[in-house]
Protein backbone atom coordinates (compact mmCIF):
# COMPACT_ATOMS: atom_id res chain seq x y z
CA MET A 1 113.45 -48.47 -43.85
CA PRO A 2 112.50 -49.02 -40.27
CA ARG A 3 113.84 -46.26 -37.97
CA ASP A 4 116.57 -47.09 -35.45
CA ARG A 5 115.57 -48.27 -32.12
CA LEU A 6 116.06 -45.96 -29.09
CA SER A 7 119.39 -46.43 -27.27
CA VAL A 8 118.62 -47.13 -23.59
CA VAL A 9 121.22 -47.38 -20.87
CA VAL A 10 120.22 -49.12 -17.56
CA THR A 11 122.47 -48.25 -14.57
CA ARG A 12 121.69 -51.19 -12.32
CA ARG A 13 120.65 -54.84 -12.58
CA LEU A 14 116.89 -55.11 -12.70
CA PRO A 15 114.59 -58.17 -12.48
CA GLU A 16 115.30 -60.55 -15.38
CA VAL A 17 111.76 -60.20 -16.84
CA VAL A 18 112.23 -56.39 -16.95
CA GLU A 19 115.64 -56.58 -18.57
CA THR A 20 114.35 -59.09 -21.18
CA ARG A 21 111.45 -56.86 -22.11
CA LEU A 22 113.66 -53.75 -22.36
CA SER A 23 116.04 -55.67 -24.61
CA GLU A 24 113.11 -56.76 -26.86
CA LEU A 25 111.80 -53.25 -27.34
CA PHE A 26 114.87 -51.04 -27.36
CA ASP A 27 118.59 -51.00 -28.10
CA THR A 28 119.30 -51.67 -24.41
CA ARG A 29 122.66 -51.67 -22.69
CA LEU A 30 122.27 -53.61 -19.37
CA ARG A 31 124.47 -53.52 -16.34
CA VAL A 32 126.53 -56.69 -15.86
CA ASP A 33 127.56 -56.10 -12.25
CA ASP A 34 124.94 -55.11 -9.68
CA VAL A 35 126.97 -52.19 -8.37
CA PRO A 36 126.33 -48.39 -8.95
CA MET A 37 127.98 -46.91 -12.05
CA THR A 38 131.02 -44.77 -11.45
CA ARG A 39 130.94 -41.17 -12.33
CA ALA A 40 132.93 -41.83 -15.48
CA GLU A 41 130.51 -44.59 -16.50
CA LEU A 42 127.52 -42.23 -15.97
CA VAL A 43 129.23 -39.53 -18.06
CA GLU A 44 129.68 -42.08 -20.87
CA ALA A 45 126.08 -43.14 -20.54
CA VAL A 46 124.61 -39.60 -20.89
CA LYS A 47 126.94 -38.92 -23.80
CA THR A 48 125.68 -41.91 -25.86
CA ALA A 49 122.16 -42.86 -24.72
CA ASP A 50 118.79 -41.54 -25.97
CA ILE A 51 117.21 -42.75 -22.67
CA LEU A 52 118.87 -43.13 -19.29
CA VAL A 53 117.27 -45.46 -16.69
CA PRO A 54 118.87 -44.60 -13.34
CA THR A 55 118.07 -45.52 -9.80
CA VAL A 56 118.31 -43.77 -6.47
CA THR A 57 122.00 -44.72 -6.21
CA ASP A 58 122.90 -42.54 -9.19
CA THR A 59 123.50 -38.79 -8.80
CA ILE A 60 122.18 -37.01 -11.90
CA ASP A 61 123.30 -33.46 -11.13
CA ALA A 62 123.87 -30.37 -13.21
CA GLY A 63 127.56 -31.28 -13.80
CA LEU A 64 126.64 -34.61 -15.23
CA LEU A 65 123.85 -33.23 -17.34
CA GLY A 66 126.22 -30.63 -18.67
CA GLN A 67 128.23 -33.37 -20.27
CA ALA A 68 125.14 -35.05 -21.80
CA GLY A 69 124.99 -35.41 -25.60
CA GLU A 70 122.20 -33.71 -27.48
CA GLN A 71 120.65 -37.15 -28.12
CA LEU A 72 119.66 -37.64 -24.45
CA ARG A 73 115.95 -36.89 -24.35
CA LEU A 74 114.49 -38.85 -21.36
CA ILE A 75 115.58 -39.84 -17.92
CA ALA A 76 113.22 -42.76 -17.09
CA ASN A 77 113.89 -43.12 -13.38
CA TYR A 78 113.50 -46.58 -11.84
CA GLY A 79 111.93 -45.42 -8.58
CA ALA A 80 109.42 -42.87 -7.31
CA GLY A 81 111.76 -40.45 -5.65
CA VAL A 82 113.66 -38.00 -7.88
CA ASP A 83 115.71 -36.08 -5.26
CA HIS A 84 118.86 -37.65 -6.78
CA ILE A 85 118.08 -35.96 -10.15
CA ASP A 86 118.41 -32.21 -10.90
CA VAL A 87 115.06 -32.09 -12.61
CA ALA A 88 115.23 -28.30 -13.22
CA THR A 89 118.54 -28.55 -15.11
CA ALA A 90 117.23 -31.47 -17.14
CA ARG A 91 114.18 -29.46 -18.17
CA GLN A 92 116.37 -26.53 -19.17
CA ARG A 93 118.33 -28.83 -21.43
CA GLY A 94 115.17 -30.27 -22.92
CA VAL A 95 115.45 -33.62 -21.21
CA LEU A 96 112.23 -35.05 -19.72
CA VAL A 97 112.21 -36.90 -16.38
CA SER A 98 109.76 -39.63 -15.48
CA ASN A 99 109.39 -41.83 -12.36
CA THR A 100 107.36 -44.79 -11.05
CA PRO A 101 104.85 -43.41 -8.55
CA GLY A 102 102.30 -45.40 -6.70
CA VAL A 103 103.84 -48.84 -7.30
CA LEU A 104 105.54 -49.24 -3.95
CA THR A 105 102.85 -47.74 -1.73
CA GLU A 106 101.52 -50.97 -0.21
CA ASP A 107 104.97 -52.52 0.15
CA THR A 108 106.40 -49.52 2.00
CA ALA A 109 103.36 -49.27 4.22
CA ASP A 110 103.71 -52.92 5.10
CA MET A 111 107.29 -52.28 6.17
CA THR A 112 106.30 -49.26 8.19
CA MET A 113 103.98 -51.39 10.25
CA ALA A 114 106.55 -54.13 10.50
CA LEU A 115 109.00 -51.64 12.00
CA ILE A 116 106.37 -50.30 14.45
CA LEU A 117 105.78 -53.83 15.64
CA ALA A 118 109.40 -54.72 15.70
CA VAL A 119 110.41 -51.83 17.87
CA THR A 120 107.40 -51.82 20.27
CA ARG A 121 107.33 -55.63 20.75
CA ARG A 122 111.12 -55.99 20.81
CA ILE A 123 111.09 -58.63 18.04
CA PRO A 124 114.81 -58.29 17.05
CA GLU A 125 115.85 -58.78 20.69
CA GLY A 126 113.83 -62.00 20.86
CA LEU A 127 115.26 -63.13 17.56
CA ALA A 128 118.85 -62.46 18.67
CA LEU A 129 118.20 -64.43 21.90
CA MET A 130 117.03 -67.41 19.89
CA GLN A 131 119.85 -67.24 17.40
CA ARG A 132 122.44 -67.15 20.22
CA GLY A 133 120.84 -70.23 21.78
CA ASP A 134 120.43 -68.34 25.12
CA TRP A 135 116.64 -68.83 25.58
CA GLU A 136 115.98 -70.62 28.79
CA GLY A 137 112.16 -70.68 28.63
CA TRP A 138 109.13 -68.47 29.07
CA ALA A 139 109.09 -65.97 31.97
CA PRO A 140 106.34 -63.54 32.96
CA THR A 141 108.63 -60.51 32.82
CA ALA A 142 110.88 -61.41 29.85
CA LEU A 143 111.14 -59.10 26.82
CA LEU A 144 108.05 -57.10 27.71
CA GLY A 145 107.12 -54.78 24.93
CA GLY A 146 104.12 -52.55 24.48
CA ARG A 147 100.64 -53.02 22.97
CA ILE A 148 100.12 -50.88 19.86
CA SER A 149 96.32 -51.03 20.02
CA GLY A 150 95.08 -47.72 21.39
CA ARG A 151 98.36 -45.93 20.83
CA ARG A 152 98.51 -42.58 19.02
CA LEU A 153 100.23 -42.76 15.67
CA GLY A 154 101.44 -39.43 14.20
CA ILE A 155 102.01 -39.68 10.36
CA LEU A 156 104.27 -37.07 9.00
CA GLY A 157 103.26 -36.89 5.31
CA MET A 158 99.78 -38.13 4.37
CA GLY A 159 100.26 -38.94 0.69
CA ARG A 160 99.73 -42.31 -0.88
CA ILE A 161 102.05 -44.17 1.54
CA GLY A 162 100.90 -42.19 4.62
CA GLN A 163 97.27 -43.08 3.86
CA ALA A 164 98.21 -46.75 3.33
CA VAL A 165 99.91 -46.68 6.73
CA ALA A 166 96.80 -45.13 8.26
CA ARG A 167 94.62 -47.84 6.80
CA ARG A 168 96.82 -50.52 8.40
CA ALA A 169 97.01 -48.69 11.66
CA ASN A 170 93.21 -48.54 11.88
CA ALA A 171 93.14 -52.32 11.56
CA PHE A 172 95.60 -52.55 14.50
CA GLY A 173 93.34 -50.36 16.61
CA MET A 174 95.75 -47.37 16.64
CA GLN A 175 94.49 -43.78 16.79
CA VAL A 176 95.59 -42.03 13.60
CA HIS A 177 96.86 -38.44 13.58
CA TYR A 178 98.67 -36.65 10.77
CA HIS A 179 100.52 -33.51 9.73
CA ASN A 180 100.60 -32.72 6.01
CA ARG A 181 101.39 -29.71 3.81
CA ARG A 182 97.67 -29.70 2.91
CA ARG A 183 94.79 -30.93 4.95
CA LEU A 184 92.86 -33.92 3.49
CA ARG A 185 89.27 -33.64 2.46
CA PRO A 186 86.80 -34.31 5.33
CA GLU A 187 85.54 -37.51 3.76
CA THR A 188 89.12 -38.79 3.50
CA GLU A 189 89.85 -37.95 7.13
CA GLU A 190 86.66 -39.80 8.08
CA GLN A 191 87.76 -42.83 5.99
CA PHE A 192 90.95 -43.11 7.92
CA GLN A 193 89.52 -41.83 11.25
CA ALA A 194 92.38 -39.40 11.14
CA THR A 195 92.94 -36.26 13.14
CA TYR A 196 94.72 -33.42 11.43
CA TRP A 197 97.32 -31.25 13.22
CA ASP A 198 98.29 -27.95 11.66
CA SER A 199 101.17 -27.69 14.11
CA LEU A 200 103.80 -30.40 13.71
CA ASP A 201 105.25 -29.46 17.10
CA GLN A 202 102.02 -30.08 18.90
CA MET A 203 101.41 -33.31 17.15
CA VAL A 204 104.93 -34.66 17.81
CA ALA A 205 104.62 -33.82 21.55
CA ARG A 206 101.44 -35.97 21.96
CA MET A 207 102.16 -39.08 19.87
CA ASP A 208 103.27 -42.54 21.00
CA VAL A 209 104.59 -43.39 17.51
CA ILE A 210 105.85 -41.12 14.81
CA SER A 211 105.98 -42.45 11.23
CA ILE A 212 107.99 -40.47 8.65
CA ASN A 213 106.25 -40.71 5.24
CA CYS A 214 107.06 -37.44 3.56
CA PRO A 215 109.34 -36.94 0.51
CA SER A 216 112.89 -35.45 0.68
CA THR A 217 112.70 -31.80 -0.31
CA PRO A 218 114.59 -28.71 0.86
CA SER A 219 111.68 -27.96 3.23
CA THR A 220 111.70 -31.39 4.79
CA PHE A 221 115.55 -31.60 5.35
CA HIS A 222 115.97 -32.25 9.11
CA LEU A 223 112.25 -31.58 9.67
CA MET A 224 112.71 -33.78 12.66
CA ASN A 225 115.67 -31.82 14.05
CA ALA A 226 117.06 -31.85 17.63
CA ARG A 227 114.47 -29.30 18.89
CA ARG A 228 111.53 -31.20 17.48
CA LEU A 229 112.90 -34.65 18.58
CA LYS A 230 113.06 -33.24 22.13
CA LEU A 231 109.32 -32.65 22.01
CA MET A 232 108.66 -36.41 21.77
CA LYS A 233 107.54 -38.25 24.84
CA PRO A 234 110.34 -40.38 26.38
CA SER A 235 108.04 -43.43 25.89
CA ALA A 236 107.51 -42.68 22.16
CA VAL A 237 109.20 -44.34 19.18
CA ILE A 238 109.97 -43.02 15.72
CA VAL A 239 109.90 -44.98 12.40
CA ASN A 240 111.30 -43.85 9.06
CA THR A 241 110.66 -45.58 5.75
CA SER A 242 110.87 -42.39 3.66
CA ARG A 243 114.15 -40.55 3.37
CA GLY A 244 116.94 -40.48 5.93
CA GLU A 245 117.63 -36.70 5.61
CA VAL A 246 114.23 -35.87 7.16
CA ILE A 247 115.66 -36.82 10.58
CA ASP A 248 118.78 -35.33 12.16
CA GLU A 249 120.39 -38.69 12.68
CA ASN A 250 123.13 -37.51 15.12
CA ALA A 251 120.52 -35.83 17.31
CA LEU A 252 118.29 -38.93 17.25
CA THR A 253 121.26 -41.15 18.16
CA ARG A 254 122.11 -38.92 21.18
CA MET A 255 118.59 -38.94 22.40
CA LEU A 256 118.14 -42.67 22.00
CA ARG A 257 121.36 -43.24 23.97
CA ALA A 258 120.15 -40.88 26.69
CA GLY A 259 116.77 -42.58 26.99
CA GLU A 260 114.91 -39.44 25.85
CA ILE A 261 113.22 -41.50 23.04
CA ALA A 262 112.17 -45.06 23.63
CA GLY A 263 113.09 -46.53 20.34
CA ALA A 264 113.51 -46.19 16.57
CA GLY A 265 112.93 -48.25 13.45
CA LEU A 266 114.93 -46.97 10.48
CA ASP A 267 114.95 -48.33 6.91
CA VAL A 268 116.71 -45.20 5.51
CA PHE A 269 119.60 -43.10 6.75
CA GLU A 270 120.78 -39.55 6.49
CA HIS A 271 124.14 -40.48 4.90
CA GLY A 272 123.14 -43.57 2.92
CA THR A 273 125.19 -46.66 3.77
CA ASP A 274 127.37 -44.52 6.17
CA VAL A 275 125.18 -45.36 9.18
CA ASN A 276 126.04 -43.86 12.60
CA PRO A 277 127.78 -46.90 14.27
CA ARG A 278 126.25 -46.03 17.64
CA LEU A 279 122.83 -46.84 16.23
CA ARG A 280 123.96 -50.45 15.68
CA GLU A 281 124.86 -50.85 19.34
CA MET A 282 121.38 -50.11 20.79
CA GLU A 283 118.90 -52.89 21.42
CA ASN A 284 115.96 -50.39 21.16
CA VAL A 285 116.83 -49.59 17.51
CA VAL A 286 115.81 -51.69 14.48
CA LEU A 287 117.87 -51.02 11.40
CA LEU A 288 117.05 -52.33 7.90
CA PRO A 289 119.05 -51.92 4.66
CA HIS A 290 116.52 -49.73 2.68
CA MET A 291 114.24 -52.73 1.98
CA GLY A 292 110.88 -51.10 2.50
CA SER A 293 109.96 -51.44 -1.24
CA ALA A 294 111.84 -54.71 -1.75
CA THR A 295 109.21 -57.13 -3.11
CA ILE A 296 109.45 -59.06 -6.35
CA GLU A 297 106.01 -57.74 -7.41
CA GLY A 298 106.97 -54.16 -6.73
CA ARG A 299 110.27 -54.33 -8.53
CA ILE A 300 108.62 -55.84 -11.64
CA GLU A 301 105.83 -53.22 -11.57
CA MET A 302 108.49 -50.48 -11.39
CA GLY A 303 110.08 -51.91 -14.45
CA GLU A 304 106.73 -52.03 -16.30
CA LYS A 305 106.18 -48.32 -15.58
CA VAL A 306 109.68 -47.46 -16.85
CA ILE A 307 108.93 -49.36 -20.08
CA ILE A 308 105.50 -47.65 -20.45
CA ASN A 309 107.14 -44.21 -19.95
CA ILE A 310 109.78 -44.97 -22.61
CA LYS A 311 107.44 -46.55 -25.07
CA THR A 312 104.94 -43.71 -24.77
CA PHE A 313 107.75 -41.16 -25.26
CA GLU A 314 109.00 -43.14 -28.27
CA ASP A 315 105.51 -42.89 -29.77
CA GLY A 316 105.62 -39.09 -29.59
CA HIS A 317 103.54 -38.60 -26.50
CA ARG A 318 104.19 -37.27 -23.00
CA PRO A 319 105.30 -39.98 -20.60
CA PRO A 320 102.40 -40.78 -18.29
CA ASP A 321 104.68 -40.34 -15.22
CA GLN A 322 106.57 -37.29 -16.33
CA VAL A 323 107.83 -35.30 -13.33
CA VAL A 324 106.60 -31.71 -13.38
CA PRO A 325 107.36 -28.86 -11.04
CA ALA A 326 104.16 -29.33 -9.09
CA MET A 327 105.34 -32.81 -8.07
CA LEU A 328 108.61 -31.59 -6.69
């Protein structure tokens, strides 16, 4: 007799092509409404599923894992970041965790450059002027922004995405600087024409643009705190397409309002959808709804990685994107 298919529970709506393939391969329970599962629904999912496919909007903590049935064997995360999953507790319970690294690198780097341009060239202000119908014609001093060519870009976190940002910044004529947990190899630095700063404080104080591209870990929480934000030049701007918790959002808001920082472009926020309302009031701030990775191609590739991880696990092998302690 053929063995039973794996029971897979997906917590959010995914691209149709991904859902179709999951349903063909596994006993898949798809999400009907595109809203996050409630805590009760997540509990039911981990009690019944062999495989859970969560997203960043699901909190998979020790309490939830403590209610999981013995059949739960893999959490195949739909996304690269796993800070919403208690990986250590999962491992203790014999549950593997996989993710989808590398898929969204180019998309997120594109959005980083878009935010840099939007803030420095005041694109949203021009867009709002046109949408209000208030534009009265070209003027020599209207909506003057700043040229990014020649500016110093300080990248905080020089992993895949940071390097992709550096490659784009080179093309725009920016001077690339970076701070990272480990220094890159000399040939890699030469490739990106990048200058390494061992001291984050010293780098922050000298940059025209700061780009946050590091993961969310206990060591990066509020890495850009009030003290470090005060080191930035008043003419500098900061862009974040990584994780909101890396920046002290309240401190950033105060400094933007006081004119101590020239502008900010934010795609992620410290408290998720609970965005500081004062940020919405400022013309020198560009806010996006966590859409840095939002491309059709990227979302489908994420799904393909999830499927490969599950299928490989089903075949008795280690998922190619299994999250191990060295990755955390």
